[in-house]
Protein backbone atom coordinates (compact mmCIF):
# COMPACT_ATOMS: atom_id res chain seq x y z
CA MET A 1 96.09 28.61 58.56
CA ILE A 2 99.04 30.54 60.04
CA PRO A 3 99.03 30.23 63.86
CA ALA A 4 97.57 33.27 65.62
CA GLN A 5 100.03 35.51 67.43
CA PRO A 6 99.61 36.03 71.22
CA SER A 7 98.38 39.58 70.65
CA GLN A 8 95.77 38.30 68.18
CA ILE A 9 94.58 35.65 70.62
CA GLU A 10 94.21 38.20 73.43
CA ALA A 11 92.30 40.53 71.13
CA ALA A 12 90.06 37.63 70.11
CA ARG A 13 89.41 36.75 73.76
CA LYS A 14 88.43 40.33 74.58
CA THR A 15 86.03 40.44 71.64
CA PHE A 16 84.49 37.03 72.32
CA PHE A 17 84.18 37.06 76.10
CA ALA A 18 82.91 40.63 76.17
CA GLY A 19 80.10 39.54 73.85
CA LYS A 20 81.17 41.98 71.12
CA GLY A 21 81.00 39.47 68.28
CA LEU A 22 82.85 36.51 66.80
CA PRO A 23 86.56 37.11 66.07
CA VAL A 24 86.56 35.02 62.90
CA ASP A 25 89.63 36.77 61.48
CA GLN A 26 91.70 36.65 64.68
CA ILE A 27 91.50 33.03 65.79
CA GLY A 28 91.41 29.59 64.15
CA HIS A 29 87.92 28.39 63.31
CA ALA A 30 88.31 25.13 65.27
CA ILE A 31 89.25 27.16 68.37
CA LEU A 32 86.35 29.55 67.86
CA ARG A 33 83.88 26.69 67.43
CA SER A 34 85.18 25.22 70.67
CA TRP A 35 84.83 28.54 72.52
CA ILE A 36 81.23 28.75 71.30
CA ARG A 37 80.47 25.21 72.49
CA CYS A 38 82.02 25.95 75.89
CA ALA A 39 80.10 29.21 76.25
CA ASP A 40 76.88 27.42 75.30
CA MET A 41 77.58 24.94 78.12
CA GLY A 42 77.77 27.85 80.55
CA LEU A 43 81.49 27.54 81.32
CA ASN A 44 83.10 30.59 82.93
CA GLU A 45 86.47 31.27 81.31
CA SER A 46 87.78 32.93 84.48
CA ALA A 47 86.83 30.03 86.75
CA THR A 48 89.18 27.31 87.94
CA PRO A 49 88.06 23.93 86.55
CA GLY A 50 87.34 21.43 89.28
CA PHE A 51 89.07 18.07 89.38
CA ALA A 52 88.28 15.25 91.75
CA ALA A 53 91.39 13.06 91.81
CA PRO A 54 90.50 9.37 91.44
CA THR A 55 91.56 6.94 94.12
CA ARG A 56 94.29 4.46 93.31
CA SER A 57 91.71 1.70 92.94
CA GLU A 58 89.52 3.84 90.65
CA LEU A 59 92.51 4.62 88.44
CA LYS A 60 93.42 0.95 88.31
CA VAL A 61 89.89 0.04 87.19
CA LEU A 62 89.97 2.77 84.53
CA GLN A 63 93.31 1.60 83.14
CA GLU A 64 92.34 -2.07 83.21
CA ARG A 65 89.08 -1.29 81.40
CA HIS A 66 91.11 0.25 78.58
CA GLU A 67 94.07 -2.11 78.68
CA ALA A 68 93.56 -3.17 75.03
CA LEU A 69 93.85 0.47 73.92
CA ARG A 70 96.83 1.10 76.19
CA ARG A 71 98.57 -1.99 74.84
CA ILE A 72 98.16 -1.13 71.17
CA CYS A 73 99.34 2.46 71.79
CA ARG A 74 102.33 1.53 73.93
CA PRO A 75 104.91 1.48 71.09
CA GLU A 76 103.97 5.05 70.15
CA LEU A 77 104.02 6.22 73.76
CA ASP A 78 107.50 4.73 74.10
CA ALA A 79 108.65 6.25 70.81
CA LEU A 80 107.33 9.73 71.68
CA TYR A 81 108.68 9.58 75.24
CA GLY A 82 112.14 10.74 74.17
CA GLU A 83 110.69 13.51 72.00
CA ALA A 84 108.57 14.73 74.90
CA ARG A 85 111.57 14.85 77.22
CA GLU A 86 113.52 16.85 74.64
CA LEU A 87 110.61 19.30 74.39
CA ALA A 88 110.24 19.45 78.19
CA GLY A 89 106.71 18.09 77.79
CA ILE A 90 104.62 14.95 78.18
CA VAL A 91 102.79 12.48 75.95
CA VAL A 92 99.21 11.77 76.97
CA LEU A 93 96.85 8.93 75.99
CA THR A 94 93.14 9.24 76.78
CA ASN A 95 90.02 7.19 76.13
CA ALA A 96 87.10 8.44 74.02
CA ARG A 97 85.74 10.46 76.95
CA GLY A 98 89.01 12.35 77.38
CA GLU A 99 89.99 10.49 80.57
CA ILE A 100 93.78 10.27 80.80
CA LEU A 101 95.02 6.68 80.82
CA ASP A 102 98.78 7.29 80.60
CA ALA A 103 101.12 10.30 80.71
CA VAL A 104 104.89 10.00 80.16
CA GLY A 105 107.71 12.45 79.49
CA ASP A 106 109.73 15.15 81.23
CA PRO A 107 109.41 14.65 85.01
CA ALA A 108 109.71 18.36 85.83
CA PHE A 109 106.96 19.36 83.40
CA ALA A 110 104.84 16.39 84.47
CA GLY A 111 104.84 17.84 87.98
CA ARG A 112 103.70 21.26 86.75
CA ALA A 113 101.14 19.65 84.43
CA ALA A 114 99.69 17.70 87.34
CA GLU A 115 98.89 21.02 88.98
CA VAL A 116 96.35 21.62 86.21
CA ALA A 117 95.19 17.98 86.38
CA LEU A 118 97.06 16.79 83.28
CA ARG A 119 97.62 13.40 84.88
CA PRO A 120 96.12 9.87 84.78
CA GLY A 121 92.49 9.78 85.85
CA ALA A 122 91.72 13.39 84.93
CA GLN A 123 89.07 14.05 82.29
CA TRP A 124 89.83 16.56 79.54
CA SER A 125 86.61 16.66 77.56
CA GLU A 126 85.37 20.11 76.60
CA ASP A 127 82.34 20.01 78.89
CA GLY A 128 84.51 20.03 82.00
CA THR A 129 87.87 21.37 80.88
CA GLY A 130 86.93 23.83 78.15
CA THR A 131 88.89 24.28 74.94
CA ASN A 132 91.97 22.04 74.99
CA ALA A 133 93.64 19.86 72.38
CA ILE A 134 92.31 16.56 73.79
CA GLY A 135 88.68 17.59 74.24
CA THR A 136 88.56 19.63 71.06
CA ALA A 137 90.09 16.79 69.02
CA ILE A 138 87.29 14.56 70.32
CA ALA A 139 84.63 17.15 69.49
CA GLU A 140 86.06 17.97 66.05
CA ARG A 141 87.14 14.37 65.24
CA ARG A 142 90.39 15.64 63.76
CA ALA A 143 93.88 16.79 64.70
CA VAL A 144 93.90 19.97 66.78
CA VAL A 145 96.54 22.37 68.10
CA VAL A 146 95.76 24.63 71.08
CA ASN A 147 98.42 27.17 72.04
CA GLY A 148 98.52 29.12 75.30
CA ALA A 149 95.62 31.58 75.55
CA GLU A 150 93.60 29.64 72.97
CA HIS A 151 92.60 27.42 75.92
CA TYR A 152 89.18 28.41 77.20
CA PHE A 153 90.16 28.57 80.88
CA ARG A 154 92.85 31.06 81.85
CA GLY A 155 94.37 28.51 84.22
CA HIS A 156 95.41 26.37 81.24
CA GLN A 157 97.20 29.10 79.31
CA ASN A 158 100.62 27.86 80.41
CA LEU A 159 100.13 24.86 78.08
CA SER A 160 100.53 24.25 74.38
CA CYS A 161 99.08 20.98 73.12
CA ALA A 162 98.74 18.98 69.88
CA ALA A 163 96.31 16.06 69.75
CA THR A 164 94.87 13.60 67.23
CA PRO A 165 91.90 11.26 67.80
CA ILE A 166 92.41 7.53 67.33
CA ILE A 167 89.65 6.20 65.04
CA ASP A 168 88.77 2.51 64.85
CA PRO A 169 87.98 0.59 61.62
CA ARG A 170 84.27 1.22 62.09
CA GLY A 171 84.68 4.99 62.49
CA ALA A 172 84.27 5.26 66.27
CA THR A 173 86.68 7.35 68.35
CA LEU A 174 88.73 5.07 70.61
CA GLY A 175 90.83 7.74 72.30
CA VAL A 176 93.27 10.60 71.77
CA LEU A 177 97.05 10.86 71.59
CA ASP A 178 98.41 14.23 72.75
CA ILE A 179 101.72 16.00 73.33
CA SER A 180 101.61 18.87 75.83
CA THR A 181 104.46 21.30 76.49
CA PRO A 182 104.98 24.68 78.15
CA SER A 183 103.23 27.45 76.20
CA THR A 184 106.61 28.96 75.29
CA LEU A 185 106.89 26.20 72.67
CA PRO A 186 104.17 26.42 69.96
CA ALA A 187 102.52 23.04 69.53
CA GLY A 188 102.25 23.19 65.75
CA GLN A 189 105.65 21.61 65.27
CA MET A 190 104.53 18.61 67.36
CA LEU A 191 101.37 17.91 65.36
CA GLY A 192 103.19 15.99 62.63
CA MET A 193 104.71 13.60 65.16
CA VAL A 194 101.33 12.93 66.78
CA ARG A 195 99.62 12.37 63.43
CA MET A 196 102.28 9.90 62.31
CA ALA A 197 102.02 8.03 65.60
CA VAL A 198 98.24 7.75 65.32
CA GLU A 199 98.53 6.55 61.71
CA GLN A 200 100.74 3.72 62.97
CA ILE A 201 98.25 2.84 65.72
CA GLU A 202 95.27 2.84 63.37
CA HIS A 203 97.21 0.80 60.80
CA ARG A 204 97.88 -1.96 63.34
CA LEU A 205 94.17 -2.24 64.10
CA PHE A 206 93.80 -3.99 60.74
CA ARG A 207 96.52 -6.58 61.22
CA GLY A 208 94.49 -8.98 63.34
CA GLY A 209 92.17 -9.91 60.48
CA PHE A 210 88.42 -9.68 60.01
CA GLU A 211 86.73 -13.06 59.93
CA GLY A 212 84.99 -13.85 56.68
CA CYS A 213 86.23 -10.63 55.05
CA GLN A 214 88.69 -9.46 52.42
CA THR A 215 91.06 -6.60 53.22
CA LEU A 216 91.99 -4.35 50.30
CA ARG A 217 95.22 -2.39 50.69
CA PHE A 218 95.85 0.24 48.01
CA GLN A 219 97.70 3.45 47.18
CA THR A 220 98.61 5.61 44.20
CA ASP A 221 102.30 5.42 45.21
CA PRO A 222 103.71 1.85 45.14
CA ALA A 223 106.24 2.80 47.85
CA LEU A 224 103.41 3.39 50.33
CA LEU A 225 101.71 0.02 49.86
CA GLY A 226 102.18 -1.90 53.10
CA ALA A 227 103.05 1.26 55.06
CA ALA A 228 100.88 3.10 57.56
CA ARG A 229 99.81 5.58 54.87
CA GLU A 230 98.23 2.93 52.63
CA GLY A 231 94.49 3.02 52.13
CA ILE A 232 92.54 0.11 53.64
CA LEU A 233 88.99 -1.04 52.92
CA VAL A 234 87.53 -4.23 54.39
CA PHE A 235 84.81 -6.00 52.39
CA ARG A 236 82.32 -8.66 53.38
CA ASP A 237 80.42 -10.10 50.42
CA GLY A 238 81.52 -7.13 48.35
CA VAL A 239 80.28 -4.50 50.85
CA VAL A 240 82.61 -2.14 52.77
CA VAL A 241 82.32 -2.95 56.49
CA ALA A 242 85.48 -1.27 57.80
CA ALA A 243 88.10 1.21 56.61
CA ASN A 244 90.87 3.55 57.62
CA ARG A 245 90.84 7.30 57.07
CA ARG A 246 93.35 7.10 54.23
CA GLY A 247 91.26 4.54 52.36
CA LEU A 248 88.09 6.59 52.61
CA SER A 249 89.97 9.73 51.57
CA LEU A 250 91.43 8.02 48.49
CA VAL A 251 87.97 7.05 47.25
CA GLY A 252 86.30 10.29 48.35
CA ARG A 253 83.89 8.65 50.80
CA SER A 254 83.07 8.90 54.52
CA TRP A 255 82.22 6.58 57.40
CA ASP A 256 78.54 6.89 56.51
CA GLY A 257 79.22 4.58 53.58
CA LEU A 258 80.01 1.57 55.76
CA ASP A 259 77.62 -1.36 55.27
CA SER A 260 76.13 0.14 52.10
CA LEU A 261 79.08 0.92 49.80
CA HIS A 262 79.92 -1.81 47.28
CA LEU A 263 83.26 -2.68 45.70
CA GLU A 264 81.91 -2.06 42.21
CA ASP A 265 80.82 1.43 43.27
CA LEU A 266 84.48 2.33 43.72
CA PHE A 267 86.61 0.20 41.40
CA ASN A 268 86.74 -1.87 38.31
CA ALA A 269 88.32 -4.79 40.09
CA ALA A 270 88.86 -7.02 37.04
CA ALA A 271 92.63 -6.44 37.12
CA LEU A 272 93.04 -6.75 40.89
CA SER A 273 94.73 -10.12 40.64
CA SER A 274 97.59 -8.44 38.79
CA GLY A 275 98.11 -5.93 41.58
CA SER A 276 96.51 -2.98 39.80
CA LEU A 277 93.20 -1.31 40.51
CA HIS A 278 91.19 1.10 38.36
CA GLY A 279 89.07 3.63 40.20
CA ARG A 280 85.68 4.64 38.85
CA ASP A 281 87.05 8.19 38.75
CA GLY A 282 89.81 7.11 36.35
CA ARG A 283 92.68 6.95 38.85
CA GLU A 284 95.08 4.03 38.93
CA PHE A 285 96.13 2.31 42.16
CA VAL A 286 98.52 -0.42 43.18
CA ALA A 287 96.72 -2.89 45.41
CA ARG A 288 96.79 -6.14 47.34
CA LEU A 289 93.82 -8.19 48.51
CA ASP A 290 94.20 -10.21 51.73
CA ASP A 291 91.61 -12.93 52.28
CA ASP A 292 90.39 -12.92 55.88
CA GLY A 293 93.01 -10.21 56.64
CA LEU A 294 95.55 -12.89 57.54
CA ALA A 295 98.45 -11.87 55.31
CA HIS A 296 100.22 -10.17 58.22
CA ALA A 297 101.30 -11.48 61.59
CA PRO A 298 98.53 -11.35 64.22
CA LEU A 299 98.35 -8.26 66.36
CA ALA A 300 98.31 -8.40 70.15
CA LEU A 301 94.93 -6.67 70.00
CA ALA A 302 92.84 -9.50 68.54
CA THR A 303 89.68 -8.96 66.53
CA SER A 304 87.56 -10.00 69.50
CA SER A 305 89.32 -7.39 71.63
CA LEU A 306 88.66 -4.75 68.97
CA VAL A 307 84.96 -5.64 68.97
CA ASP A 308 84.90 -5.48 72.76
CA LEU A 309 86.67 -2.13 72.65
CA GLU A 310 84.17 -0.73 70.15
CA LEU A 311 81.22 -1.96 72.24
CA ALA A 312 82.74 -0.44 75.38
CA THR A 313 83.19 2.89 73.57
CA ILE A 314 79.55 2.86 72.46
CA ARG A 315 78.33 1.92 75.95
CA ASN A 316 80.39 4.73 77.50
CA ALA A 317 78.93 7.26 75.05
CA LEU A 318 75.39 6.06 75.77
CA ALA A 319 76.02 6.30 79.51
CA VAL A 320 77.37 9.85 79.21
CA HIS A 321 74.27 10.91 77.28
CA ASN A 322 71.76 9.03 79.47
CA GLY A 323 70.93 6.47 76.80
CA SER A 324 70.38 8.96 73.96
CA VAL A 325 71.45 7.14 70.80
CA SER A 326 71.39 10.34 68.74
CA ALA A 327 73.67 12.19 71.17
CA ALA A 328 76.03 9.20 71.46
CA ALA A 329 76.22 8.91 67.67
CA ARG A 330 77.13 12.60 67.38
CA GLN A 331 79.91 12.19 69.96
CA LEU A 332 81.32 9.13 68.22
CA GLY A 333 80.87 10.52 64.72
CA ILE A 334 78.91 7.48 63.49
CA HIS A 335 75.36 6.93 62.32
CA ARG A 336 72.66 5.89 64.78
CA SER A 337 72.03 2.73 62.80
CA THR A 338 75.61 1.63 63.49
CA ILE A 339 74.98 1.84 67.24
CA TYR A 340 71.71 -0.11 66.96
CA ARG A 341 73.39 -2.76 64.81
CA ARG A 342 76.44 -3.15 67.06
CA MET A 343 74.38 -3.34 70.25
CA ALA A 344 71.97 -5.85 68.70
CA GLY A 345 74.84 -8.07 67.65
CA GLN A 346 76.68 -8.17 70.96
C-alpha cells in the first residue's frame, strides 16, 4: 500500500476520533486496527502517556534478564548504528513486552527521543503507548511502519518508526528491532534494513543445534542456500518441531503445524541425499540436511539459553495476563497447547 500523505492521515484522525466512522480508504489497515485496539482500551489520543523511569538497578535487572537476546542482536545493533546516525535517528531493541533494552544512534536525536520516553527501560506496548511501530509490530506479529500522525498519541507525532518482531524457532515473539527517526523522514525506506537485520538474527538462532533433531535447510534458489533467506525446518522423528518464517512460507504452513506436521506431508524426501527435494505441490528445492544441527559453528546463544529465553517469554506473557493461558497465547501468537507443553517440560 502507498504510504498515506499527511493530509490523508489528519483527515483519517478527524473521522476516527470524532466517531464518524472508520477511515478504511485513508489510512493503512494495520494502523487502523491499532487505533481501534487503543480506543477499545480507553486510551485518550490527546493525553500525554505516563512513563515512570526505572531506577538504575531496575534497568540493570531488566537488561541482565534479557542478556541472551541482547547478545544475539548485538551485531545487528552495531551494523545499524551507522545507518541510524546518518538518518539522525536511533536503533531500538525491546523484549516481547515492548520494554526497551538498548537504544543506539544519533546522540542529538536520542536526547529528543528520550523526552518521549524512547529510551532503555521504557515500555512501548500498545496498551500504554498507543499506536507505535514497536507495540503494533508485537500486536500484529509482522513488520510495521508508523509515520508521524499515524501514532495514536499526538505527543509521538514527531517520530517515524519502522519495526519488525523477532520470532524464535518455536513461533514465540522474543522482541522487536526498531529504527526511529524524526517524522520529516518517512520510515518506509528503513523497513528493508530492519527486516534484513531480523532475518540475520533469526537465522543465527538455528546455528546452535537442536539435540536429537535434524535441521533441513532448503530454497528454490541455490544461491540462497546457507544464507539468512533460506528456509529452515527442524524435525524430530520426522515431525516438525521448529522452523523459521521463510521455511513455513515456502511450504505454505504456519506455526500451528509445529509438533503435528510430518516430513512426508511436505516432501518426497527420497532424493534428499543428492541435495534435491521434491515438494508435494510439485516444486523443486535444493536442500541440505544437518543431523543434530551441528553442521555450523556453535552460536554464542546456546540451545539451553534459547529454551530459557522461550520459557522466560512465556512466563512474562502469563504474568502480564494474570495467568490466562489463552490471553498469553494470543499475545505470543502460539497455540495454548504449546504453552502447556513448554511449561510442563521445564
